[in-house]
């Protein structure tokens, strides 16, 4: 029985295909670990009060400054951007 071009390609490159599957699996695992680390840092940064709290009152230090309104809008903006990137 004569092989077609596709059949010959599959038989000739079966080892290469198996190697490619293993490479893709290990690369995906590595990328998943990096993605978890990035997400952890992003969420920690999103929920940490910029400037830290005042030790005596517990009120965030930057509330009375001109950067205060920007700091209030930063966590929702980061969450929305992460969700929109995830949906792409």
N, C-alpha and C. Protein backbone atom coordinates (compact mmCIF):
# COMPACT_ATOMS: atom_id res chain seq x y z
N UNK A 1 0.85 -1.18 0.00
CA UNK A 1 0.00 0.00 0.00
C UNK A 1 0.89 1.24 0.00
N UNK A 2 0.55 2.18 -0.85
CA UNK A 2 1.33 3.38 -1.00
C UNK A 2 0.89 4.44 0.01
N UNK A 3 1.88 5.13 0.63
CA UNK A 3 1.57 6.19 1.59
C UNK A 3 1.28 7.50 0.87
N UNK A 4 0.36 8.24 1.43
CA UNK A 4 0.12 9.59 0.92
C UNK A 4 1.18 10.51 1.52
N UNK A 5 1.21 11.72 1.06
CA UNK A 5 2.18 12.69 1.58
C UNK A 5 1.94 12.93 3.07
N UNK A 6 0.69 13.03 3.46
CA UNK A 6 0.37 13.25 4.86
C UNK A 6 0.77 12.05 5.72
N UNK A 7 0.50 10.86 5.25
CA UNK A 7 0.87 9.64 5.98
C UNK A 7 2.37 9.51 6.14
N UNK A 8 3.11 9.81 5.08
CA UNK A 8 4.57 9.75 5.15
C UNK A 8 5.10 10.79 6.13
N UNK A 9 4.53 11.99 6.11
CA UNK A 9 4.95 13.05 7.03
C UNK A 9 4.73 12.64 8.48
N UNK A 10 3.59 12.03 8.76
CA UNK A 10 3.27 11.60 10.13
C UNK A 10 4.23 10.52 10.59
N UNK A 11 4.51 9.55 9.75
CA UNK A 11 5.42 8.47 10.16
C UNK A 11 6.86 8.96 10.28
N UNK A 12 7.28 9.84 9.42
CA UNK A 12 8.66 10.32 9.45
C UNK A 12 8.91 11.27 10.61
N UNK A 13 7.90 11.97 11.06
CA UNK A 13 8.10 12.99 12.09
C UNK A 13 7.41 12.66 13.40
N UNK A 14 7.10 11.40 13.66
CA UNK A 14 6.40 11.04 14.90
C UNK A 14 7.26 11.31 16.13
N UNK A 15 8.56 11.03 16.05
CA UNK A 15 9.44 11.30 17.19
C UNK A 15 9.54 12.80 17.46
N UNK A 16 9.66 13.58 16.42
CA UNK A 16 9.73 15.03 16.56
C UNK A 16 8.43 15.57 17.16
N UNK A 17 7.32 15.00 16.76
CA UNK A 17 6.03 15.42 17.30
C UNK A 17 5.91 15.12 18.79
N UNK A 18 6.40 13.97 19.22
CA UNK A 18 6.36 13.62 20.64
C UNK A 18 7.28 14.54 21.44
N UNK A 19 8.44 14.86 20.90
CA UNK A 19 9.35 15.79 21.57
C UNK A 19 8.70 17.18 21.70
N UNK A 20 8.00 17.59 20.67
CA UNK A 20 7.33 18.90 20.69
C UNK A 20 6.22 18.92 21.73
N UNK A 21 5.51 17.81 21.89
CA UNK A 21 4.45 17.74 22.91
C UNK A 21 5.04 17.89 24.30
N UNK A 22 6.14 17.20 24.58
CA UNK A 22 6.79 17.30 25.89
C UNK A 22 7.32 18.71 26.14
N UNK A 23 7.92 19.31 25.12
CA UNK A 23 8.45 20.67 25.28
C UNK A 23 7.31 21.64 25.58
N UNK A 24 6.22 21.50 24.88
CA UNK A 24 5.08 22.39 25.10
C UNK A 24 4.50 22.22 26.49
N UNK A 25 4.45 20.99 26.98
CA UNK A 25 3.92 20.73 28.32
C UNK A 25 4.81 21.38 29.39
N UNK A 26 6.12 21.21 29.28
CA UNK A 26 7.02 21.79 30.29
C UNK A 26 7.04 23.32 30.20
N UNK A 27 6.94 23.86 29.00
CA UNK A 27 6.91 25.31 28.86
C UNK A 27 5.63 25.88 29.46
N UNK A 28 4.51 25.21 29.25
CA UNK A 28 3.24 25.69 29.81
C UNK A 28 3.27 25.63 31.34
N UNK A 29 3.88 24.60 31.90
CA UNK A 29 3.99 24.52 33.36
C UNK A 29 4.82 25.67 33.91
N UNK A 30 5.94 25.97 33.24
CA UNK A 30 6.78 27.08 33.68
C UNK A 30 6.08 28.41 33.58
N UNK A 31 5.34 28.61 32.50
CA UNK A 31 4.61 29.86 32.33
C UNK A 31 3.50 29.99 33.37
N UNK A 32 2.90 28.89 33.76
CA UNK A 32 1.85 28.93 34.78
C UNK A 32 2.42 29.37 36.13
N UNK A 33 3.60 28.88 36.46
CA UNK A 33 4.24 29.27 37.72
C UNK A 33 4.54 30.76 37.73
N UNK A 34 5.07 31.27 36.64
CA UNK A 34 5.38 32.69 36.54
C UNK A 34 4.10 33.53 36.60
N UNK A 35 3.04 33.07 35.95
CA UNK A 35 1.77 33.81 35.97
C UNK A 35 1.20 33.88 37.38
N UNK A 36 1.32 32.80 38.15
CA UNK A 36 0.83 32.81 39.53
C UNK A 36 1.63 33.80 40.37
N UNK A 37 2.94 33.82 40.19
CA UNK A 37 3.77 34.76 40.94
C UNK A 37 3.42 36.21 40.60
N UNK A 38 3.23 36.51 39.33
CA UNK A 38 2.87 37.86 38.92
C UNK A 38 1.51 38.25 39.48
N UNK A 39 0.55 37.35 39.42
CA UNK A 39 -0.79 37.65 39.95
C UNK A 39 -0.74 37.89 41.46
N UNK A 40 0.07 37.12 42.16
CA UNK A 40 0.19 37.31 43.60
C UNK A 40 0.73 38.69 43.94
N UNK A 41 1.77 39.10 43.25
CA UNK A 41 2.35 40.43 43.49
C UNK A 41 1.36 41.52 43.09
N UNK A 42 0.64 41.33 41.99
CA UNK A 42 -0.31 42.35 41.54
C UNK A 42 -1.44 42.53 42.55
N UNK A 43 -1.98 41.45 43.08
CA UNK A 43 -3.06 41.57 44.07
C UNK A 43 -2.55 42.15 45.38
N UNK A 44 -1.34 41.77 45.76
CA UNK A 44 -0.77 42.35 46.98
C UNK A 44 -0.57 43.85 46.82
N UNK A 45 -0.11 44.27 45.66
CA UNK A 45 0.09 45.70 45.41
C UNK A 45 -1.24 46.43 45.31
N UNK A 46 -2.26 45.76 44.80
CA UNK A 46 -3.56 46.41 44.64
C UNK A 46 -4.24 46.68 45.98
N UNK A 47 -4.03 45.81 46.96
CA UNK A 47 -4.72 45.97 48.23
C UNK A 47 -3.85 46.56 49.34
N UNK A 48 -2.62 46.93 49.02
CA UNK A 48 -1.76 47.58 49.99
C UNK A 48 -1.96 49.08 49.89
N UNK A 49 -2.13 49.72 51.01
CA UNK A 49 -2.35 51.17 51.03
C UNK A 49 -1.04 51.87 50.70
N UNK A 50 -1.01 52.71 49.66
CA UNK A 50 0.21 53.43 49.33
C UNK A 50 0.62 54.36 50.46
N UNK A 51 1.87 54.31 50.84
CA UNK A 51 2.35 55.14 51.93
C UNK A 51 2.20 54.48 53.28
N UNK A 52 1.36 53.47 53.39
CA UNK A 52 1.16 52.76 54.65
C UNK A 52 0.23 53.51 55.59
N UNK A 53 -0.20 52.88 56.65
CA UNK A 53 -1.09 53.53 57.61
C UNK A 53 -0.31 54.35 58.64
N UNK A 54 -0.96 55.35 59.17
CA UNK A 54 -0.40 56.13 60.28
C UNK A 54 -0.41 55.22 61.51
N UNK A 55 0.71 55.14 62.21
CA UNK A 55 0.84 54.20 63.32
C UNK A 55 -0.08 54.52 64.50
N UNK A 56 -0.38 55.79 64.70
CA UNK A 56 -1.20 56.15 65.86
C UNK A 56 -2.70 56.11 65.56
N UNK A 57 -3.10 56.50 64.35
CA UNK A 57 -4.53 56.56 64.04
C UNK A 57 -5.01 55.42 63.14
N UNK A 58 -4.12 54.85 62.34
CA UNK A 58 -4.51 53.80 61.41
C UNK A 58 -5.02 54.32 60.09
N UNK A 59 -5.12 55.64 59.94
CA UNK A 59 -5.58 56.26 58.69
C UNK A 59 -4.42 56.22 57.69
N UNK A 60 -4.68 55.93 56.42
CA UNK A 60 -3.61 55.93 55.43
C UNK A 60 -2.90 57.29 55.38
N UNK A 61 -1.59 57.26 55.23
CA UNK A 61 -0.77 58.46 55.27
C UNK A 61 -1.09 59.41 54.12
N UNK A 62 -1.38 58.88 52.94
CA UNK A 62 -1.56 59.73 51.76
C UNK A 62 -2.99 60.22 51.56
N UNK A 63 -3.88 60.03 52.52
CA UNK A 63 -5.28 60.44 52.35
C UNK A 63 -5.40 61.95 52.22
N UNK A 64 -4.67 62.72 53.00
CA UNK A 64 -4.81 64.18 52.98
C UNK A 64 -3.97 64.86 51.92
N UNK A 65 -3.22 64.14 51.12
CA UNK A 65 -2.35 64.76 50.11
C UNK A 65 -3.03 64.81 48.75
N UNK A 66 -2.35 65.43 47.80
CA UNK A 66 -2.93 65.54 46.45
C UNK A 66 -2.92 64.21 45.71
N UNK A 67 -2.12 63.25 46.13
CA UNK A 67 -2.08 61.95 45.47
C UNK A 67 -3.14 61.00 46.03
N UNK A 68 -3.82 61.38 47.09
CA UNK A 68 -4.85 60.55 47.72
C UNK A 68 -5.92 60.05 46.77
N UNK A 69 -6.56 60.94 45.96
CA UNK A 69 -7.60 60.46 45.03
C UNK A 69 -7.08 59.46 44.00
N UNK A 70 -5.84 59.63 43.60
CA UNK A 70 -5.25 58.68 42.64
C UNK A 70 -5.09 57.32 43.30
N UNK A 71 -4.65 57.31 44.56
CA UNK A 71 -4.46 56.06 45.29
C UNK A 71 -5.78 55.32 45.52
N UNK A 72 -6.88 56.07 45.65
CA UNK A 72 -8.18 55.43 45.83
C UNK A 72 -8.64 54.73 44.56
N UNK A 73 -8.29 55.27 43.39
CA UNK A 73 -8.75 54.72 42.13
C UNK A 73 -7.82 53.63 41.60
N UNK A 74 -6.62 53.49 42.14
CA UNK A 74 -5.66 52.54 41.61
C UNK A 74 -6.09 51.09 41.74
N UNK A 75 -6.55 50.59 42.90
CA UNK A 75 -6.93 49.17 42.99
C UNK A 75 -8.05 48.76 42.03
N UNK A 76 -9.15 49.51 41.90
CA UNK A 76 -10.17 49.09 40.93
C UNK A 76 -9.65 49.11 39.49
N UNK A 77 -8.79 50.09 39.19
CA UNK A 77 -8.23 50.17 37.84
C UNK A 77 -7.36 48.95 37.55
N UNK A 78 -6.57 48.53 38.52
CA UNK A 78 -5.70 47.36 38.32
C UNK A 78 -6.53 46.09 38.14
N UNK A 79 -7.58 45.95 38.92
CA UNK A 79 -8.41 44.75 38.81
C UNK A 79 -9.11 44.71 37.46
N UNK A 80 -9.62 45.85 37.02
CA UNK A 80 -10.29 45.88 35.71
C UNK A 80 -9.32 45.58 34.59
N UNK A 81 -8.08 46.09 34.68
CA UNK A 81 -7.12 45.83 33.62
C UNK A 81 -6.72 44.35 33.61
N UNK A 82 -6.58 43.72 34.80
CA UNK A 82 -6.24 42.31 34.83
C UNK A 82 -7.36 41.45 34.26
N UNK A 83 -8.61 41.81 34.54
CA UNK A 83 -9.73 41.06 34.01
C UNK A 83 -9.81 41.21 32.49
N UNK A 84 -9.58 42.42 32.00
CA UNK A 84 -9.66 42.63 30.56
C UNK A 84 -8.51 41.92 29.85
N UNK A 85 -7.33 41.84 30.45
CA UNK A 85 -6.22 41.12 29.83
C UNK A 85 -6.53 39.63 29.82
N UNK A 86 -7.13 39.13 30.88
CA UNK A 86 -7.46 37.71 30.98
C UNK A 86 -8.48 37.30 29.92
N UNK A 87 -9.39 38.22 29.57
CA UNK A 87 -10.44 37.91 28.60
C UNK A 87 -9.94 37.91 27.16
N UNK A 88 -8.77 38.46 26.94
CA UNK A 88 -8.24 38.51 25.55
C UNK A 88 -7.82 37.15 25.07
